[in-house]
Amino acid sequence: MDHIQEEIAMRGKRILVTGGAGFIGSHLVDYLIQENEVVVLDNLSGGKYEFLKHHEGKENFTFVLGDLLRTEDIETALEGVDVVFHLAANPDVRRGAEDTRVHLEQNLIATYNLLEAMRRKDVRDIVFTSTSTVYGEAEVIPTPEDYGPLIPISLYGASKLGAEAYISAYTHLFGMRGVSYRFANIVGPRGTHGVIYDFIRKLKANPRELEILGDGTQTKSYLYVTDCVEAMVFGYEHMKRDYEVFNIGSEDWVNVKRIAEIVVEEMGLSDVKFRFTGGVDGRGWKGDVKVMRLSIEKLKALGWKPRHGSEESVRLTARALIREMAGERYQSSNSPMAL
């Protein structure tokens, strides 16, 4: 594969963000719109337009209400675009055990539809948000990008791995360039699912007892969303080949019981009884990877490193989500790095 000769400057481009009304997507839009035109394509099934409302009326912001399962919506959104940040997906890992088709359609087929439309419209660059779950239960921790074989244990992980493979093949066959990012657990303001969100919701309903799925020893890496956004842009700007894979995560980890303790502290509660469900072999649910920490040495070698560790990311997120769930609308700054 040919090497990219010069670094890519992320300025003055027209950028499509699929899933841009979602949690990570909306923070990415906040960052990109400072020096670029941004088009958001979102069907609002999981995202919220209120996350983007502060960009209404800006000349460099366009919102397209559409779906990646409809070719005409994709082609409308791609008009004049230089690069695509593809975040649209169904992120609910647990749902795949109940609905075996949802991740196939919304993650894999949606990605294929996007790639095909990009090929026809001659849009060459795609940045894709994958997941650490493609590794399955890795025997090497921290897990590097060249770890294998990749054996996902959830349909979500399988769909993301399939999408990675399609992007790799399209870059080889059709002169495109792509980056796939394998994320740790990304947390922060505007989060609408995940363990921190669930704990806050449960404790608001019952501040005396907290149900914790699994045995509480599930231990994973957590990264604050602004660190994630910065890493996504940085990796794209510094990619050395026409197709790259990067891990994005923190350099430490935290277990679920400690997350529960942090949430309880931030909510100002005391004497909360923890009730562990035991789950499946201590996991939160079937398909849950119990232990995960990614090696981020590849991206660090290019000059990026996270600003926050796992516990700090969890605490900042708990603080923000408590405010949001209390009805205090989250106010974005112009720069997500200032959050």
C-alpha atoms as a PDB file:
ATOM      1  CA  MET A   1       0.000   0.000   0.000  1.00  0.00           C
ATOM      2  CA  ASP A   2       1.305   3.464  -0.834  1.00  0.00           C
ATOM      3  CA  HIS A   3       2.304   5.674   2.064  1.00  0.00           C
ATOM      4  CA  ILE A   4       0.754   9.092   2.493  1.00  0.00           C
ATOM      5  CA  GLN A   5       3.569  11.561   1.853  1.00  0.00           C
ATOM      6  CA  GLU A   6       2.298  14.590   3.794  1.00  0.00           C
ATOM      7  CA  GLU A   7       0.305  15.078   6.943  1.00  0.00           C
ATOM      8  CA  ILE A   8      -3.312  16.140   6.486  1.00  0.00           C
ATOM      9  CA  ALA A   9      -4.342  19.545   7.827  1.00  0.00           C
ATOM     10  CA  MET A  10      -7.862  19.529   9.236  1.00  0.00           C
ATOM     11  CA  ARG A  11      -8.732  23.067   8.218  1.00  0.00           C
ATOM     12  CA  GLY A  12     -10.958  24.501   5.534  1.00  0.00           C
ATOM     13  CA  LYS A  13     -12.599  21.183   4.672  1.00  0.00           C
ATOM     14  CA  ARG A  14     -16.197  20.204   4.201  1.00  0.00           C
ATOM     15  CA  ILE A  15     -16.731  17.309   6.611  1.00  0.00           C
ATOM     16  CA  LEU A  16     -19.651  14.906   6.941  1.00  0.00           C
ATOM     17  CA  VAL A  17     -20.244  13.516  10.440  1.00  0.00           C
ATOM     18  CA  THR A  18     -22.663  10.592  10.461  1.00  0.00           C
ATOM     19  CA  GLY A  19     -24.277  10.202  13.847  1.00  0.00           C
ATOM     20  CA  GLY A  20     -23.284  13.791  14.606  1.00  0.00           C
ATOM     21  CA  ALA A  21     -26.223  14.340  16.960  1.00  0.00           C
ATOM     22  CA  GLY A  22     -25.022  11.557  19.226  1.00  0.00           C
ATOM     23  CA  PHE A  23     -22.844  11.667  22.315  1.00  0.00           C
ATOM     24  CA  ILE A  24     -19.367  11.491  20.737  1.00  0.00           C
ATOM     25  CA  GLY A  25     -20.558  12.864  17.388  1.00  0.00           C
ATOM     26  CA  SER A  26     -21.840  16.135  18.819  1.00  0.00           C
ATOM     27  CA  HIS A  27     -18.565  16.768  20.669  1.00  0.00           C
ATOM     28  CA  LEU A  28     -16.700  16.046  17.436  1.00  0.00           C
ATOM     29  CA  VAL A  29     -18.891  18.560  15.594  1.00  0.00           C
ATOM     30  CA  ASP A  30     -18.086  21.200  18.251  1.00  0.00           C
ATOM     31  CA  TYR A  31     -14.390  20.644  17.611  1.00  0.00           C
ATOM     32  CA  LEU A  32     -14.428  20.412  13.813  1.00  0.00           C
ATOM     33  CA  ILE A  33     -16.719  23.369  13.182  1.00  0.00           C
ATOM     34  CA  GLN A  34     -14.147  25.828  14.492  1.00  0.00           C
ATOM     35  CA  GLU A  35     -12.113  25.643  11.254  1.00  0.00           C
ATOM     36  CA  ASN A  36     -14.278  23.639   8.827  1.00  0.00           C
ATOM     37  CA  GLU A  37     -17.701  23.310   7.264  1.00  0.00           C
ATOM     38  CA  VAL A  38     -19.615  20.498   8.958  1.00  0.00           C
ATOM     39  CA  VAL A  39     -22.553  18.502   7.618  1.00  0.00           C
ATOM     40  CA  VAL A  40     -24.334  16.206  10.080  1.00  0.00           C
ATOM     41  CA  LEU A  41     -26.349  13.206   8.898  1.00  0.00           C
ATOM     42  CA  ASP A  42     -28.429  11.663  11.685  1.00  0.00           C
ATOM     43  CA  ASN A  43     -31.793   9.909  11.922  1.00  0.00           C
ATOM     44  CA  LEU A  44     -32.138  11.007  15.586  1.00  0.00           C
ATOM     45  CA  SER A  45     -32.980   7.458  16.695  1.00  0.00           C
ATOM     46  CA  GLY A  46     -30.277   7.685  19.340  1.00  0.00           C
ATOM     47  CA  GLY A  47     -28.901  11.203  18.977  1.00  0.00           C
ATOM     48  CA  LYS A  48     -30.521  14.434  20.147  1.00  0.00           C
ATOM     49  CA  TYR A  49     -30.782  17.536  18.023  1.00  0.00           C
ATOM     50  CA  GLU A  50     -30.499  19.661  21.177  1.00  0.00           C
ATOM     51  CA  PHE A  51     -26.812  18.643  21.307  1.00  0.00           C
ATOM     52  CA  LEU A  52     -26.332  20.606  18.070  1.00  0.00           C
ATOM     53  CA  LYS A  53     -28.823  23.409  18.542  1.00  0.00           C
ATOM     54  CA  HIS A  54     -26.128  25.941  19.453  1.00  0.00           C
ATOM     55  CA  HIS A  55     -24.828  25.630  15.855  1.00  0.00           C
ATOM     56  CA  GLU A  56     -28.146  26.563  14.246  1.00  0.00           C
ATOM     57  CA  GLY A  57     -27.837  29.466  11.848  1.00  0.00           C
ATOM     58  CA  LYS A  58     -24.086  29.143  11.349  1.00  0.00           C
ATOM     59  CA  GLU A  59     -23.044  29.322   7.698  1.00  0.00           C
ATOM     60  CA  ASN A  60     -20.629  26.410   8.140  1.00  0.00           C
ATOM     61  CA  PHE A  61     -23.207  24.045   9.705  1.00  0.00           C
ATOM     62  CA  THR A  62     -25.748  21.879   7.877  1.00  0.00           C
ATOM     63  CA  PHE A  63     -28.028  19.263   9.403  1.00  0.00           C
ATOM     64  CA  VAL A  64     -29.520  16.487   7.260  1.00  0.00           C
ATOM     65  CA  LEU A  65     -32.233  14.378   8.849  1.00  0.00           C
ATOM     66  CA  GLY A  66     -31.599  11.066   7.137  1.00  0.00           C
ATOM     67  CA  ASP A  67     -30.677   7.430   7.418  1.00  0.00           C
ATOM     68  CA  LEU A  68     -27.698   5.404   6.202  1.00  0.00           C
ATOM     69  CA  LEU A  69     -30.104   2.692   5.086  1.00  0.00           C
ATOM     70  CA  ARG A  70     -31.435   5.144   2.434  1.00  0.00           C
ATOM     71  CA  THR A  71     -29.014   5.804  -0.417  1.00  0.00           C
ATOM     72  CA  GLU A  72     -30.633   9.103  -1.399  1.00  0.00           C
ATOM     73  CA  ASP A  73     -30.072  10.510   2.106  1.00  0.00           C
ATOM     74  CA  ILE A  74     -26.393   9.597   1.982  1.00  0.00           C
ATOM     75  CA  GLU A  75     -25.864  11.126  -1.452  1.00  0.00           C
ATOM     76  CA  THR A  76     -27.535  14.363  -0.371  1.00  0.00           C
ATOM     77  CA  ALA A  77     -25.273  14.611   2.689  1.00  0.00           C
ATOM     78  CA  LEU A  78     -22.103  13.787   0.695  1.00  0.00           C
ATOM     79  CA  GLU A  79     -22.456  16.678  -1.754  1.00  0.00           C
ATOM     80  CA  GLY A  80     -19.135  18.534  -1.888  1.00  0.00           C
ATOM     81  CA  VAL A  81     -17.669  16.637   1.088  1.00  0.00           C
ATOM     82  CA  ASP A  82     -13.903  16.103   1.503  1.00  0.00           C
ATOM     83  CA  VAL A  83     -13.854  13.645   4.406  1.00  0.00           C
ATOM     84  CA  VAL A  84     -16.379  11.538   6.328  1.00  0.00           C
ATOM     85  CA  PHE A  85     -16.289  10.874  10.058  1.00  0.00           C
ATOM     86  CA  HIS A  86     -18.526   7.820  10.379  1.00  0.00           C
ATOM     87  CA  LEU A  87     -19.946   7.512  13.894  1.00  0.00           C
ATOM     88  CA  ALA A  88     -23.526   6.435  13.164  1.00  0.00           C
ATOM     89  CA  ALA A  89     -24.264   3.029  14.695  1.00  0.00           C
ATOM     90  CA  ASN A  90     -26.381   1.256  17.239  1.00  0.00           C
ATOM     91  CA  PRO A  91     -24.067   1.316  20.284  1.00  0.00           C
ATOM     92  CA  ASP A  92     -26.105  -0.948  22.597  1.00  0.00           C
ATOM     93  CA  VAL A  93     -23.902  -4.043  22.971  1.00  0.00           C
ATOM     94  CA  ARG A  94     -26.505  -5.880  25.059  1.00  0.00           C
ATOM     95  CA  ARG A  95     -29.275  -5.472  22.502  1.00  0.00           C
ATOM     96  CA  GLY A  96     -27.612  -7.867  20.050  1.00  0.00           C
ATOM     97  CA  ALA A  97     -28.463 -10.844  22.248  1.00  0.00           C
ATOM     98  CA  GLU A  98     -32.174 -10.006  21.874  1.00  0.00           C
ATOM     99  CA  ASP A  99     -32.297  -8.547  18.350  1.00  0.00           C
ATOM    100  CA  THR A 100     -29.732 -10.335  16.192  1.00  0.00           C
ATOM    101  CA  ARG A 101     -30.359  -8.132  13.144  1.00  0.00           C
ATOM    102  CA  VAL A 102     -29.990  -4.638  14.596  1.00  0.00           C
ATOM    103  CA  HIS A 103     -26.179  -4.480  14.514  1.00  0.00           C
ATOM    104  CA  LEU A 104     -26.018  -6.124  11.103  1.00  0.00           C
ATOM    105  CA  GLU A 105     -28.237  -3.420   9.602  1.00  0.00           C
ATOM    106  CA  GLN A 106     -27.299  -0.305  11.546  1.00  0.00           C
ATOM    107  CA  ASN A 107     -23.569  -0.958  11.814  1.00  0.00           C
ATOM    108  CA  LEU A 108     -22.411  -3.179   8.953  1.00  0.00           C
ATOM    109  CA  ILE A 109     -24.919  -2.630   6.137  1.00  0.00           C
ATOM    110  CA  ALA A 110     -25.040   1.083   6.948  1.00  0.00           C
ATOM    111  CA  THR A 111     -21.251   1.241   6.590  1.00  0.00           C
ATOM    112  CA  TYR A 112     -21.376  -0.596   3.274  1.00  0.00           C
ATOM    113  CA  ASN A 113     -24.032   1.818   1.996  1.00  0.00           C
ATOM    114  CA  LEU A 114     -21.880   4.773   3.005  1.00  0.00           C
ATOM    115  CA  LEU A 115     -18.748   3.356   1.358  1.00  0.00           C
ATOM    116  CA  GLU A 116     -20.627   2.675  -1.871  1.00  0.00           C
ATOM    117  CA  ALA A 117     -22.019   6.196  -1.972  1.00  0.00           C
ATOM    118  CA  MET A 118     -18.547   7.598  -1.262  1.00  0.00           C
ATOM    119  CA  ARG A 119     -17.114   5.534  -4.128  1.00  0.00           C
ATOM    120  CA  ARG A 120     -19.745   6.822  -6.544  1.00  0.00           C
ATOM    121  CA  LYS A 121     -19.353  10.431  -5.404  1.00  0.00           C
ATOM    122  CA  ASP A 122     -15.523  10.198  -5.357  1.00  0.00           C
ATOM    123  CA  VAL A 123     -15.223  11.067  -1.667  1.00  0.00           C
ATOM    124  CA  ARG A 124     -11.938   9.451  -0.690  1.00  0.00           C
ATOM    125  CA  ASP A 125     -11.409   9.770   3.073  1.00  0.00           C
ATOM    126  CA  ILE A 126     -13.288   7.997   5.879  1.00  0.00           C
ATOM    127  CA  VAL A 127     -12.643   8.010   9.617  1.00  0.00           C
ATOM    128  CA  PHE A 128     -14.498   5.196  11.391  1.00  0.00           C
ATOM    129  CA  THR A 129     -15.337   4.646  15.045  1.00  0.00           C
ATOM    130  CA  SER A 130     -14.852   0.984  15.837  1.00  0.00           C
ATOM    131  CA  THR A 131     -14.555  -0.599  19.280  1.00  0.00           C
ATOM    132  CA  SER A 132     -12.321  -2.533  21.646  1.00  0.00           C
ATOM    133  CA  THR A 133     -14.896  -5.353  21.523  1.00  0.00           C
ATOM    134  CA  VAL A 134     -13.427  -6.510  18.181  1.00  0.00           C
ATOM    135  CA  TYR A 135     -10.602  -8.060  20.250  1.00  0.00           C
ATOM    136  CA  GLY A 136     -12.981 -10.260  22.227  1.00  0.00           C
ATOM    137  CA  GLU A 137     -11.345 -11.522  25.411  1.00  0.00           C
ATOM    138  CA  ALA A 138      -7.766 -10.643  24.591  1.00  0.00           C
ATOM    139  CA  GLU A 139      -5.004 -12.620  26.272  1.00  0.00           C
ATOM    140  CA  VAL A 140      -2.531  -9.745  25.902  1.00  0.00           C
ATOM    141  CA  ILE A 141      -3.240  -6.669  28.046  1.00  0.00           C
ATOM    142  CA  PRO A 142      -2.710  -3.822  27.255  1.00  0.00           C
ATOM    143  CA  THR A 143      -3.919  -5.040  23.862  1.00  0.00           C
ATOM    144  CA  PRO A 144      -2.067  -3.680  20.792  1.00  0.00           C
ATOM    145  CA  GLU A 145      -3.598  -3.111  17.354  1.00  0.00           C
ATOM    146  CA  ASP A 146      -1.757  -6.106  15.854  1.00  0.00           C
ATOM    147  CA  TYR A 147      -3.196  -8.555  18.395  1.00  0.00           C
ATOM    148  CA  GLY A 148      -4.908 -11.583  16.921  1.00  0.00           C
ATOM    149  CA  PRO A 149      -6.846 -13.585  16.135  1.00  0.00           C
ATOM    150  CA  LEU A 150      -9.739 -11.162  16.620  1.00  0.00           C
ATOM    151  CA  ILE A 151     -12.594 -13.152  18.174  1.00  0.00           C
ATOM    152  CA  PRO A 152     -15.479 -10.854  19.166  1.00  0.00           C
ATOM    153  CA  ILE A 153     -17.980 -12.310  21.636  1.00  0.00           C
ATOM    154  CA  SER A 154     -20.872  -9.926  20.856  1.00  0.00           C
ATOM    155  CA  LEU A 155     -22.767  -9.194  17.654  1.00  0.00           C
ATOM    156  CA  TYR A 156     -21.893  -5.544  18.172  1.00  0.00           C
ATOM    157  CA  GLY A 157     -18.180  -6.394  18.100  1.00  0.00           C
ATOM    158  CA  ALA A 158     -18.710  -8.646  15.089  1.00  0.00           C
ATOM    159  CA  SER A 159     -20.508  -5.898  13.153  1.00  0.00           C
ATOM    160  CA  LYS A 160     -17.767  -3.361  13.879  1.00  0.00           C
ATOM    161  CA  LEU A 161     -15.042  -5.817  12.852  1.00  0.00           C
ATOM    162  CA  GLY A 162     -16.910  -6.484   9.620  1.00  0.00           C
ATOM    163  CA  ALA A 163     -17.167  -2.753   8.967  1.00  0.00           C
ATOM    164  CA  GLU A 164     -13.424  -2.367   9.546  1.00  0.00           C
ATOM    165  CA  ALA A 165     -12.782  -5.101   6.978  1.00  0.00           C
ATOM    166  CA  TYR A 166     -15.034  -3.410   4.400  1.00  0.00           C
ATOM    167  CA  ILE A 167     -13.256  -0.084   4.884  1.00  0.00           C
ATOM    168  CA  SER A 168      -9.865  -1.762   4.505  1.00  0.00           C
ATOM    169  CA  ALA A 169     -10.982  -3.462   1.293  1.00  0.00           C
ATOM    170  CA  TYR A 170     -12.461  -0.263  -0.175  1.00  0.00           C
ATOM    171  CA  THR A 171      -9.233   1.637   0.493  1.00  0.00           C
ATOM    172  CA  HIS A 172      -7.262  -1.054  -1.344  1.00  0.00           C
ATOM    173  CA  LEU A 173      -9.655  -1.443  -4.265  1.00  0.00           C
ATOM    174  CA  PHE A 174     -10.865   2.098  -4.928  1.00  0.00           C
ATOM    175  CA  GLY A 175      -8.041   4.482  -4.020  1.00  0.00           C
ATOM    176  CA  MET A 176      -9.636   5.587  -0.760  1.00  0.00           C
ATOM    177  CA  ARG A 177      -8.042   6.346   2.611  1.00  0.00           C
ATOM    178  CA  GLY A 178      -9.379   5.204   5.940  1.00  0.00           C
ATOM    179  CA  VAL A 179      -8.752   5.154   9.665  1.00  0.00           C
ATOM    180  CA  SER A 180     -10.481   2.783  12.093  1.00  0.00           C
ATOM    181  CA  TYR A 181     -10.400   3.728  15.759  1.00  0.00           C
ATOM    182  CA  ARG A 182     -10.862   1.007  18.354  1.00  0.00           C
ATOM    183  CA  PHE A 183     -12.315   2.783  21.373  1.00  0.00           C
ATOM    184  CA  ALA A 184     -12.119   2.015  25.045  1.00  0.00           C
ATOM    185  CA  ASN A 185     -15.190   3.172  27.023  1.00  0.00           C
ATOM    186  CA  ILE A 186     -15.722   6.817  26.068  1.00  0.00           C
ATOM    187  CA  VAL A 187     -17.538   8.893  28.689  1.00  0.00           C
ATOM    188  CA  GLY A 188     -18.491  12.495  29.258  1.00  0.00           C
ATOM    189  CA  PRO A 189     -21.288  15.093  29.088  1.00  0.00           C
ATOM    190  CA  ARG A 190     -24.292  14.225  26.892  1.00  0.00           C
ATOM    191  CA  GLY A 191     -23.876  10.497  27.538  1.00  0.00           C
ATOM    192  CA  THR A 192     -27.197   8.697  27.207  1.00  0.00           C
ATOM    193  CA  HIS A 193     -26.252   5.130  28.099  1.00  0.00           C
ATOM    194  CA  GLY A 194     -23.540   3.146  29.835  1.00  0.00           C
ATOM    195  CA  VAL A 195     -22.662   2.230  33.401  1.00  0.00           C
ATOM    196  CA  ILE A 196     -22.317   5.772  34.820  1.00  0.00           C
ATOM    197  CA  TYR A 197     -25.611   6.901  33.300  1.00  0.00           C
ATOM    198  CA  ASP A 198     -27.340   3.733  34.541  1.00  0.00           C
ATOM    199  CA  PHE A 199     -26.000   4.118  38.080  1.00  0.00           C
ATOM    200  CA  ILE A 200     -27.188   7.723  38.332  1.00  0.00           C
ATOM    201  CA  ARG A 201     -30.624   6.797  37.010  1.00  0.00           C
ATOM    202  CA  LYS A 202     -30.947   3.891  39.450  1.00  0.00           C
ATOM    203  CA  LEU A 203     -29.790   5.943  42.444  1.00  0.00           C
ATOM    204  CA  LYS A 204     -32.215   8.735  41.627  1.00  0.00           C
ATOM    205  CA  ALA A 205     -34.981   6.135  41.771  1.00  0.00           C
ATOM    206  CA  ASN A 206     -33.643   4.469  44.933  1.00  0.00           C
ATOM    207  CA  PRO A 207     -30.851   6.299  46.798  1.00  0.00           C
ATOM    208  CA  ARG A 208     -30.550   3.546  49.394  1.00  0.00           C
ATOM    209  CA  GLU A 209     -29.619   0.595  47.175  1.00  0.00           C
ATOM    210  CA  LEU A 210     -27.769   0.206  43.865  1.00  0.00           C
ATOM    211  CA  GLU A 211     -28.107  -2.838  41.640  1.00  0.00           C
ATOM    212  CA  ILE A 212     -24.779  -3.589  39.937  1.00  0.00           C
ATOM    213  CA  LEU A 213     -24.788  -5.992  36.996  1.00  0.00           C
ATOM    214  CA  GLY A 214     -22.146  -8.699  37.335  1.00  0.00           C
ATOM    215  CA  ASP A 215     -19.861  -9.066  40.351  1.00  0.00           C
ATOM    216  CA  GLY A 216     -18.351  -5.558  40.281  1.00  0.00           C
ATOM    217  CA  THR A 217     -14.852  -6.715  39.354  1.00  0.00           C
ATOM    218  CA  GLN A 218     -15.271  -5.986  35.637  1.00  0.00           C
ATOM    219  CA  THR A 219     -12.251  -3.772  34.970  1.00  0.00           C
ATOM    220  CA  LYS A 220     -11.894  -1.540  31.926  1.00  0.00           C
ATOM    221  CA  SER A 221     -10.327   1.627  30.547  1.00  0.00           C
ATOM    222  CA  TYR A 222     -12.418   4.821  30.470  1.00  0.00           C
ATOM    223  CA  LEU A 223     -11.560   7.930  28.447  1.00  0.00           C
ATOM    224  CA  TYR A 224     -13.079  11.409  28.580  1.00  0.00           C
ATOM    225  CA  VAL A 225     -14.857  12.362  25.365  1.00  0.00           C
ATOM    226  CA  THR A 226     -12.783  15.473  24.656  1.00  0.00           C
ATOM    227  CA  ASP A 227      -9.617  13.356  24.742  1.00  0.00           C
ATOM    228  CA  CYS A 228     -11.285  10.970  22.300  1.00  0.00           C
ATOM    229  CA  VAL A 229     -12.232  13.747  19.868  1.00  0.00           C
ATOM    230  CA  GLU A 230      -8.745  15.190  19.940  1.00  0.00           C
ATOM    231  CA  ALA A 231      -7.262  11.723  19.277  1.00  0.00           C
ATOM    232  CA  MET A 232      -9.599  11.098  16.324  1.00  0.00           C
ATOM    233  CA  VAL A 233      -8.591  14.291  14.570  1.00  0.00           C
ATOM    234  CA  PHE A 234      -4.917  13.883  15.464  1.00  0.00           C
ATOM    235  CA  GLY A 235      -4.711  10.325  14.150  1.00  0.00           C
ATOM    236  CA  TYR A 236      -6.329  11.273  10.847  1.00  0.00           C
ATOM    237  CA  GLU A 237      -3.971  14.222  10.407  1.00  0.00           C
ATOM    238  CA  HIS A 238      -0.923  12.025  11.103  1.00  0.00           C
ATOM    239  CA  MET A 239      -1.850   8.771   9.336  1.00  0.00           C
ATOM    240  CA  LYS A 240       1.108   7.248   7.491  1.00  0.00           C
ATOM    241  CA  ARG A 241      -0.687   4.731   5.289  1.00  0.00           C
ATOM    242  CA  ASP A 242      -3.850   4.718   3.231  1.00  0.00           C
ATOM    243  CA  TYR A 243      -5.472   2.513   5.865  1.00  0.00           C
ATOM    244  CA  GLU A 244      -4.647   2.739   9.565  1.00  0.00           C
ATOM    245  CA  VAL A 245      -5.978   1.180  12.767  1.00  0.00           C
ATOM    246  CA  PHE A 246      -5.490   2.974  16.083  1.00  0.00           C
ATOM    247  CA  ASN A 247      -6.556   2.201  19.621  1.00  0.00           C
ATOM    248  CA  ILE A 248      -7.933   5.124  21.636  1.00  0.00           C
ATOM    249  CA  GLY A 249      -8.113   4.809  25.403  1.00  0.00           C
ATOM    250  CA  SER A 250      -6.524   5.778  28.689  1.00  0.00           C
ATOM    251  CA  GLU A 251      -3.383   4.278  30.189  1.00  0.00           C
ATOM    252  CA  ASP A 252      -5.110   2.865  33.261  1.00  0.00           C
ATOM    253  CA  TRP A 253      -8.413   1.262  34.228  1.00  0.00           C
ATOM    254  CA  VAL A 254     -11.071   1.135  36.915  1.00  0.00           C
ATOM    255  CA  ASN A 255     -13.513  -1.542  38.060  1.00  0.00           C
ATOM    256  CA  VAL A 256     -17.296  -1.280  38.193  1.00  0.00           C
ATOM    257  CA  LYS A 257     -17.465  -1.255  41.999  1.00  0.00           C
ATOM    258  CA  ARG A 258     -15.158   1.769  42.115  1.00  0.00           C
ATOM    259  CA  ILE A 259     -17.295   3.507  39.474  1.00  0.00           C
ATOM    260  CA  ALA A 260     -20.314   2.935  41.720  1.00  0.00           C
ATOM    261  CA  GLU A 261     -18.438   4.453  44.668  1.00  0.00           C
ATOM    262  CA  ILE A 262     -17.498   7.533  42.603  1.00  0.00           C
ATOM    263  CA  VAL A 263     -21.103   8.045  41.460  1.00  0.00           C
ATOM    264  CA  VAL A 264     -22.351   7.727  45.050  1.00  0.00           C
ATOM    265  CA  GLU A 265     -19.765  10.300  46.184  1.00  0.00           C
ATOM    266  CA  GLU A 266     -20.673  12.751  43.412  1.00  0.00           C
ATOM    267  CA  MET A 267     -24.392  12.416  44.216  1.00  0.00           C
ATOM    268  CA  GLY A 268     -23.650  13.213  47.877  1.00  0.00           C
ATOM    269  CA  LEU A 269     -25.166   9.940  49.100  1.00  0.00           C
ATOM    270  CA  SER A 270     -24.071   7.719  51.977  1.00  0.00           C
ATOM    271  CA  ASP A 271     -24.849   4.252  53.328  1.00  0.00           C
ATOM    272  CA  VAL A 272     -25.818   2.989  49.879  1.00  0.00           C
ATOM    273  CA  LYS A 273     -26.084  -0.796  49.748  1.00  0.00           C
ATOM    274  CA  PHE A 274     -24.547  -2.397  46.653  1.00  0.00           C
ATOM    275  CA  ARG A 275     -26.423  -5.417  45.321  1.00  0.00           C
ATOM    276  CA  PHE A 276     -24.472  -7.447  42.767  1.00  0.00           C
ATOM    277  CA  THR A 277     -26.428  -9.598  40.323  1.00  0.00           C
ATOM    278  CA  GLY A 278     -23.538 -11.987  39.683  1.00  0.00           C
ATOM    279  CA  GLY A 279     -24.319 -11.855  35.977  1.00  0.00           C
ATOM    280  CA  VAL A 280     -22.769 -14.421  33.639  1.00  0.00           C
ATOM    281  CA  ASP A 281     -19.503 -15.631  35.193  1.00  0.00           C
ATOM    282  CA  GLY A 282     -19.223 -12.247  36.886  1.00  0.00           C
ATOM    283  CA  ARG A 283     -19.927 -10.314  33.684  1.00  0.00           C
ATOM    284  CA  GLY A 284     -22.657  -7.715  33.450  1.00  0.00           C
ATOM    285  CA  TRP A 285     -24.385  -9.647  30.640  1.00  0.00           C
ATOM    286  CA  LYS A 286     -23.680 -12.326  28.073  1.00  0.00           C
ATOM    287  CA  GLY A 287     -21.221 -10.885  25.550  1.00  0.00           C
ATOM    288  CA  ASP A 288     -19.708  -8.424  28.047  1.00  0.00           C
ATOM    289  CA  VAL A 289     -15.902  -8.385  27.932  1.00  0.00           C
ATOM    290  CA  LYS A 290     -14.889  -8.499  31.595  1.00  0.00           C
ATOM    291  CA  VAL A 291     -11.359  -7.090  31.381  1.00  0.00           C
ATOM    292  CA  MET A 292     -10.176  -4.532  28.809  1.00  0.00           C
ATOM    293  CA  ARG A 293      -7.285  -2.125  28.494  1.00  0.00           C
ATOM    294  CA  LEU A 294      -5.887  -1.062  25.144  1.00  0.00           C
ATOM    295  CA  SER A 295      -2.315  -0.267  24.259  1.00  0.00           C
ATOM    296  CA  ILE A 296      -2.197   3.295  22.946  1.00  0.00           C
ATOM    297  CA  GLU A 297       1.523   3.264  22.168  1.00  0.00           C
ATOM    298  CA  LYS A 298       0.963   3.512  18.403  1.00  0.00           C
ATOM    299  CA  LEU A 299      -0.920   6.809  18.646  1.00  0.00           C
ATOM    300  CA  LYS A 300       1.349   8.089  21.434  1.00  0.00           C
ATOM    301  CA  ALA A 301       4.371   7.519  19.192  1.00  0.00           C
ATOM    302  CA  LEU A 302       2.881  10.069  16.779  1.00  0.00           C
ATOM    303  CA  GLY A 303       2.556  12.647  19.548  1.00  0.00           C
ATOM    304  CA  TRP A 304      -0.894  12.216  21.157  1.00  0.00           C
ATOM    305  CA  LYS A 305      -1.587  11.273  24.761  1.00  0.00           C
ATOM    306  CA  PRO A 306      -4.725  11.428  26.917  1.00  0.00           C
ATOM    307  CA  ARG A 307      -5.229  14.324  29.304  1.00  0.00           C
ATOM    308  CA  HIS A 308      -7.370  12.331  31.763  1.00  0.00           C
ATOM    309  CA  GLY A 309      -7.085   8.926  33.434  1.00  0.00           C
ATOM    310  CA  SER A 310      -9.944   6.485  33.930  1.00  0.00           C
ATOM    311  CA  GLU A 311     -11.030   7.546  37.439  1.00  0.00           C
ATOM    312  CA  GLU A 312     -10.868  11.249  36.589  1.00  0.00           C
ATOM    313  CA  SER A 313     -12.876  10.630  33.411  1.00  0.00           C
ATOM    314  CA  VAL A 314     -15.518   8.744  35.401  1.00  0.00           C
ATOM    315  CA  ARG A 315     -15.727  11.459  38.060  1.00  0.00           C
ATOM    316  CA  LEU A 316     -15.989  14.338  35.568  1.00  0.00           C
ATOM    317  CA  THR A 317     -18.663  12.404  33.683  1.00  0.00           C
ATOM    318  CA  ALA A 318     -20.684  11.604  36.798  1.00  0.00           C
ATOM    319  CA  ARG A 319     -20.582  15.267  37.784  1.00  0.00           C
ATOM    320  CA  ALA A 320     -21.760  16.409  34.330  1.00  0.00           C
ATOM    321  CA  LEU A 321     -24.494  13.790  33.958  1.00  0.00           C
ATOM    322  CA  ILE A 322     -25.878  14.482  37.434  1.00  0.00           C
ATOM    323  CA  ARG A 323     -26.322  18.120  36.399  1.00  0.00           C
ATOM    324  CA  GLU A 324     -27.861  17.167  33.069  1.00  0.00           C
ATOM    325  CA  MET A 325     -30.286  14.679  34.601  1.00  0.00           C
ATOM    326  CA  ALA A 326     -31.288  17.303  37.151  1.00  0.00           C
ATOM    327  CA  GLY A 327     -32.505  19.397  34.242  1.00  0.00           C
ATOM    328  CA  GLU A 328     -29.545  21.717  33.818  1.00  0.00           C
ATOM    329  CA  ARG A 329     -29.058  21.810  30.077  1.00  0.00           C
ATOM    330  CA  TYR A 330     -25.446  21.156  29.096  1.00  0.00           C
ATOM    331  CA  GLN A 331     -23.879  24.265  27.609  1.00  0.00           C
ATOM    332  CA  SER A 332     -21.133  23.679  25.071  1.00  0.00           C
ATOM    333  CA  SER A 333     -18.141  25.966  24.829  1.00  0.00           C
ATOM    334  CA  ASN A 334     -16.753  26.750  21.404  1.00  0.00           C
ATOM    335  CA  SER A 335     -13.851  24.413  22.122  1.00  0.00           C
ATOM    336  CA  PRO A 336     -14.596  20.955  23.561  1.00  0.00           C
ATOM    337  CA  MET A 337     -11.032  20.840  24.889  1.00  0.00           C
ATOM    338  CA  ALA A 338     -12.040  23.517  27.419  1.00  0.00           C
ATOM    339  CA  LEU A 339     -14.757  21.392  29.041  1.00  0.00           C
END
